[in-house]
Structures are given as structure tokens and as C-alpha cells.
């Protein structure tokens, strides 16, 4: 079995109003050191044994269901599941 950790972020060219709002809140409560903040998603999948190539499988899932490829980028890590 494999554990897949997927990190999804908005593309740099896409405005992140949620990140801007949180950054503004942090600044207002005294954390002026924060110069930029972008919010993303974290997904964790456990995938059972398969004959399919794990990279191909993860890329297909990300591009078809788990991300919006028009406005989001993703990266992932694969490790052995316990």
C-alpha cells in the first residue's frame, strides 16, 4: 500500500482573496512580518496494491477530480503506508 500526500495551490497568476484576508488579519493583530500568504489544500490518499503505475494513477486523479487544472497547481509525495 502507498500513502500519497497531495499539495494543491492556486497558480501564482490567480488572486487569492482568502489568503489576502488572512494576511490582513495577521497584520492587524501584530504580525506585520508576514508579507504574503496563500492558502491551498492538502489531501492524503491511501492506495492499495495495484499493477497500475502509481505516478500515472495519481496524476490522472489530480487532473480529473482532485484539482482544477485551470487555476491550481499540485505536487505530490508517495511513501509506503504502514
N, C-alpha and C. Protein backbone atom coordinates (compact mmCIF):
# COMPACT_ATOMS: atom_id res chain seq x y z
N UNK A 1 0.84 -1.18 0.00
CA UNK A 1 0.00 0.00 0.00
C UNK A 1 0.88 1.24 0.00
N UNK A 2 0.36 2.30 -0.57
CA UNK A 2 1.08 3.56 -0.67
C UNK A 2 0.26 4.67 -0.02
N UNK A 3 0.96 5.60 0.60
CA UNK A 3 0.32 6.82 1.08
C UNK A 3 0.77 7.94 0.15
N UNK A 4 -0.19 8.70 -0.36
CA UNK A 4 0.10 9.79 -1.27
C UNK A 4 -0.34 11.09 -0.60
N UNK A 5 0.60 12.03 -0.50
CA UNK A 5 0.31 13.35 0.06
C UNK A 5 0.29 14.33 -1.11
N UNK A 6 -0.86 15.00 -1.28
CA UNK A 6 -1.04 15.91 -2.40
C UNK A 6 -1.19 17.34 -1.87
N UNK A 7 -0.40 18.24 -2.42
CA UNK A 7 -0.42 19.64 -2.03
C UNK A 7 -0.93 20.46 -3.22
N UNK A 8 -2.02 21.18 -3.01
CA UNK A 8 -2.66 21.93 -4.09
C UNK A 8 -2.60 23.42 -3.75
N UNK A 9 -2.15 24.23 -4.71
CA UNK A 9 -2.09 25.68 -4.52
C UNK A 9 -2.65 26.38 -5.75
N UNK A 10 -3.13 27.59 -5.53
CA UNK A 10 -3.55 28.40 -6.66
C UNK A 10 -2.31 28.79 -7.46
N UNK A 11 -2.46 28.87 -8.76
CA UNK A 11 -1.35 29.33 -9.59
C UNK A 11 -0.99 30.76 -9.20
N UNK A 12 0.27 31.12 -9.38
CA UNK A 12 0.75 32.44 -8.99
C UNK A 12 -0.05 33.56 -9.66
N UNK A 13 -0.54 33.33 -10.86
CA UNK A 13 -1.26 34.38 -11.59
C UNK A 13 -2.70 34.56 -11.12
N UNK A 14 -3.16 33.69 -10.22
CA UNK A 14 -4.54 33.73 -9.73
C UNK A 14 -4.58 34.46 -8.39
N UNK A 15 -5.46 35.43 -8.26
CA UNK A 15 -5.63 36.14 -7.00
C UNK A 15 -6.13 35.19 -5.92
N UNK A 16 -5.68 35.39 -4.69
CA UNK A 16 -6.07 34.54 -3.57
C UNK A 16 -6.73 35.42 -2.50
N UNK A 17 -8.03 35.73 -2.65
CA UNK A 17 -8.68 36.61 -1.69
C UNK A 17 -8.71 36.04 -0.27
N UNK A 18 -8.80 34.74 -0.14
CA UNK A 18 -8.80 34.14 1.19
C UNK A 18 -7.43 34.34 1.85
N UNK A 19 -6.37 34.13 1.11
CA UNK A 19 -5.03 34.37 1.63
C UNK A 19 -4.81 35.82 2.00
N UNK A 20 -5.32 36.74 1.17
CA UNK A 20 -5.20 38.17 1.46
C UNK A 20 -5.94 38.54 2.73
N UNK A 21 -7.12 37.97 2.94
CA UNK A 21 -7.90 38.26 4.14
C UNK A 21 -7.19 37.76 5.40
N UNK A 22 -6.62 36.58 5.33
CA UNK A 22 -5.91 36.03 6.49
C UNK A 22 -4.65 36.84 6.76
N UNK A 23 -3.91 37.22 5.70
CA UNK A 23 -2.72 38.06 5.88
C UNK A 23 -3.09 39.38 6.53
N UNK A 24 -4.18 39.98 6.09
CA UNK A 24 -4.64 41.24 6.68
C UNK A 24 -4.97 41.07 8.16
N UNK A 25 -5.62 39.99 8.51
CA UNK A 25 -5.94 39.71 9.91
C UNK A 25 -4.68 39.55 10.75
N UNK A 26 -3.70 38.84 10.21
CA UNK A 26 -2.44 38.66 10.93
C UNK A 26 -1.74 40.00 11.15
N UNK A 27 -1.75 40.84 10.13
CA UNK A 27 -1.13 42.16 10.25
C UNK A 27 -1.82 42.99 11.33
N UNK A 28 -3.14 42.94 11.35
CA UNK A 28 -3.91 43.72 12.33
C UNK A 28 -3.65 43.30 13.77
N UNK A 29 -3.30 42.02 13.98
CA UNK A 29 -3.06 41.58 15.35
C UNK A 29 -1.57 41.53 15.70
N UNK A 30 -0.76 42.20 14.87
CA UNK A 30 0.63 42.38 15.24
C UNK A 30 1.67 41.55 14.51
N UNK A 31 1.29 40.83 13.51
CA UNK A 31 2.25 40.02 12.77
C UNK A 31 2.60 40.68 11.43
N UNK A 32 3.17 41.86 11.49
CA UNK A 32 3.48 42.63 10.29
C UNK A 32 4.63 42.01 9.49
N UNK A 33 5.32 41.04 10.06
CA UNK A 33 6.40 40.38 9.33
C UNK A 33 5.89 39.55 8.15
N UNK A 34 4.62 39.15 8.19
CA UNK A 34 4.06 38.34 7.11
C UNK A 34 3.84 39.25 5.90
N UNK A 35 4.56 38.96 4.83
CA UNK A 35 4.50 39.80 3.63
C UNK A 35 3.58 39.23 2.56
N UNK A 36 3.34 37.93 2.59
CA UNK A 36 2.43 37.32 1.62
C UNK A 36 1.92 36.03 2.22
N UNK A 37 0.71 35.67 1.87
CA UNK A 37 0.11 34.44 2.37
C UNK A 37 -0.83 33.90 1.31
N UNK A 38 -0.66 32.66 0.97
CA UNK A 38 -1.54 32.00 0.01
C UNK A 38 -2.05 30.73 0.66
N UNK A 39 -3.30 30.43 0.43
CA UNK A 39 -3.93 29.28 1.05
C UNK A 39 -4.13 28.19 0.00
N UNK A 40 -3.89 26.96 0.40
CA UNK A 40 -4.05 25.82 -0.50
C UNK A 40 -4.81 24.70 0.17
N UNK A 41 -4.68 23.52 -0.42
CA UNK A 41 -5.35 22.33 0.11
C UNK A 41 -4.31 21.23 0.28
N UNK A 42 -4.58 20.36 1.24
CA UNK A 42 -3.75 19.18 1.47
C UNK A 42 -4.66 17.97 1.45
N UNK A 43 -4.31 16.98 0.64
CA UNK A 43 -5.09 15.75 0.56
C UNK A 43 -4.15 14.58 0.85
N UNK A 44 -4.68 13.57 1.49
CA UNK A 44 -3.89 12.39 1.79
C UNK A 44 -4.68 11.16 1.36
N UNK A 45 -4.10 10.37 0.49
CA UNK A 45 -4.76 9.17 -0.03
C UNK A 45 -3.97 7.94 0.39
N UNK A 46 -4.66 6.87 0.68
CA UNK A 46 -4.03 5.57 0.84
C UNK A 46 -4.49 4.72 -0.32
N UNK A 47 -3.54 4.22 -1.08
CA UNK A 47 -3.86 3.46 -2.28
C UNK A 47 -3.39 2.02 -2.08
N UNK A 48 -4.30 1.09 -2.29
CA UNK A 48 -3.98 -0.32 -2.17
C UNK A 48 -3.06 -0.79 -3.28
N UNK A 49 -2.57 -1.99 -3.11
CA UNK A 49 -1.68 -2.57 -4.12
C UNK A 49 -2.37 -2.59 -5.48
N UNK A 50 -1.62 -2.21 -6.51
CA UNK A 50 -2.16 -2.13 -7.85
C UNK A 50 -1.06 -2.43 -8.86
N UNK A 51 -1.45 -2.92 -10.01
CA UNK A 51 -0.50 -3.13 -11.10
C UNK A 51 -0.27 -1.85 -11.89
N UNK A 52 -1.12 -0.86 -11.66
CA UNK A 52 -1.01 0.41 -12.38
C UNK A 52 0.16 1.22 -11.84
N UNK A 53 0.76 2.03 -12.68
CA UNK A 53 1.84 2.92 -12.28
C UNK A 53 1.29 3.98 -11.33
N UNK A 54 1.87 4.08 -10.14
CA UNK A 54 1.33 4.97 -9.11
C UNK A 54 1.37 6.43 -9.55
N UNK A 55 2.43 6.85 -10.24
CA UNK A 55 2.51 8.24 -10.70
C UNK A 55 1.42 8.55 -11.71
N UNK A 56 1.20 7.65 -12.64
CA UNK A 56 0.14 7.84 -13.63
C UNK A 56 -1.22 7.90 -12.95
N UNK A 57 -1.44 7.01 -12.00
CA UNK A 57 -2.71 6.96 -11.27
C UNK A 57 -2.98 8.26 -10.53
N UNK A 58 -1.98 8.76 -9.79
CA UNK A 58 -2.14 9.99 -9.02
C UNK A 58 -2.36 11.18 -9.94
N UNK A 59 -1.59 11.28 -11.01
CA UNK A 59 -1.76 12.39 -11.95
C UNK A 59 -3.15 12.39 -12.57
N UNK A 60 -3.64 11.22 -12.94
CA UNK A 60 -4.99 11.13 -13.51
C UNK A 60 -6.04 11.61 -12.51
N UNK A 61 -5.93 11.15 -11.26
CA UNK A 61 -6.90 11.56 -10.24
C UNK A 61 -6.84 13.06 -10.00
N UNK A 62 -5.64 13.60 -9.93
CA UNK A 62 -5.49 15.04 -9.70
C UNK A 62 -6.08 15.85 -10.84
N UNK A 63 -5.79 15.45 -12.05
CA UNK A 63 -6.22 16.23 -13.20
C UNK A 63 -7.69 16.05 -13.56
N UNK A 64 -8.29 14.93 -13.15
CA UNK A 64 -9.70 14.70 -13.46
C UNK A 64 -10.65 15.11 -12.34
N UNK A 65 -10.21 14.99 -11.07
CA UNK A 65 -11.15 15.18 -9.96
C UNK A 65 -10.62 16.08 -8.84
N UNK A 66 -9.39 15.87 -8.43
CA UNK A 66 -8.92 16.47 -7.17
C UNK A 66 -8.48 17.92 -7.28
N UNK A 67 -8.16 18.38 -8.49
CA UNK A 67 -7.74 19.78 -8.66
C UNK A 67 -8.47 20.41 -9.84
N UNK A 68 -8.43 21.71 -9.87
CA UNK A 68 -8.91 22.46 -11.03
C UNK A 68 -7.67 22.91 -11.78
N UNK A 69 -7.31 22.17 -12.83
CA UNK A 69 -6.04 22.41 -13.52
C UNK A 69 -5.97 23.77 -14.21
N UNK A 70 -7.08 24.45 -14.35
CA UNK A 70 -7.07 25.78 -14.96
C UNK A 70 -6.47 26.81 -14.00
N UNK A 71 -6.75 26.68 -12.70
CA UNK A 71 -6.30 27.69 -11.75
C UNK A 71 -5.40 27.15 -10.63
N UNK A 72 -5.22 25.83 -10.57
CA UNK A 72 -4.44 25.26 -9.47
C UNK A 72 -3.25 24.44 -9.99
N UNK A 73 -2.19 24.46 -9.19
CA UNK A 73 -1.04 23.59 -9.40
C UNK A 73 -1.05 22.55 -8.29
N UNK A 74 -0.38 21.44 -8.53
CA UNK A 74 -0.28 20.43 -7.48
C UNK A 74 1.08 19.77 -7.54
N UNK A 75 1.46 19.22 -6.42
CA UNK A 75 2.63 18.35 -6.32
C UNK A 75 2.27 17.26 -5.35
N UNK A 76 2.97 16.17 -5.40
CA UNK A 76 2.63 15.07 -4.50
C UNK A 76 3.87 14.29 -4.11
N UNK A 77 3.73 13.57 -3.01
CA UNK A 77 4.78 12.68 -2.50
C UNK A 77 4.16 11.31 -2.28
N UNK A 78 4.90 10.29 -2.62
CA UNK A 78 4.43 8.91 -2.44
C UNK A 78 5.36 8.23 -1.44
N UNK A 79 4.77 7.58 -0.46
CA UNK A 79 5.57 6.82 0.50
C UNK A 79 4.86 5.52 0.84
N UNK A 80 5.56 4.62 1.44
CA UNK A 80 4.98 3.35 1.87
C UNK A 80 4.03 3.61 3.02
N UNK A 81 2.86 3.00 2.98
CA UNK A 81 1.90 3.11 4.09
C UNK A 81 2.17 2.01 5.08
N UNK A 82 1.93 2.31 6.33
CA UNK A 82 2.11 1.29 7.39
C UNK A 82 0.86 0.48 7.58
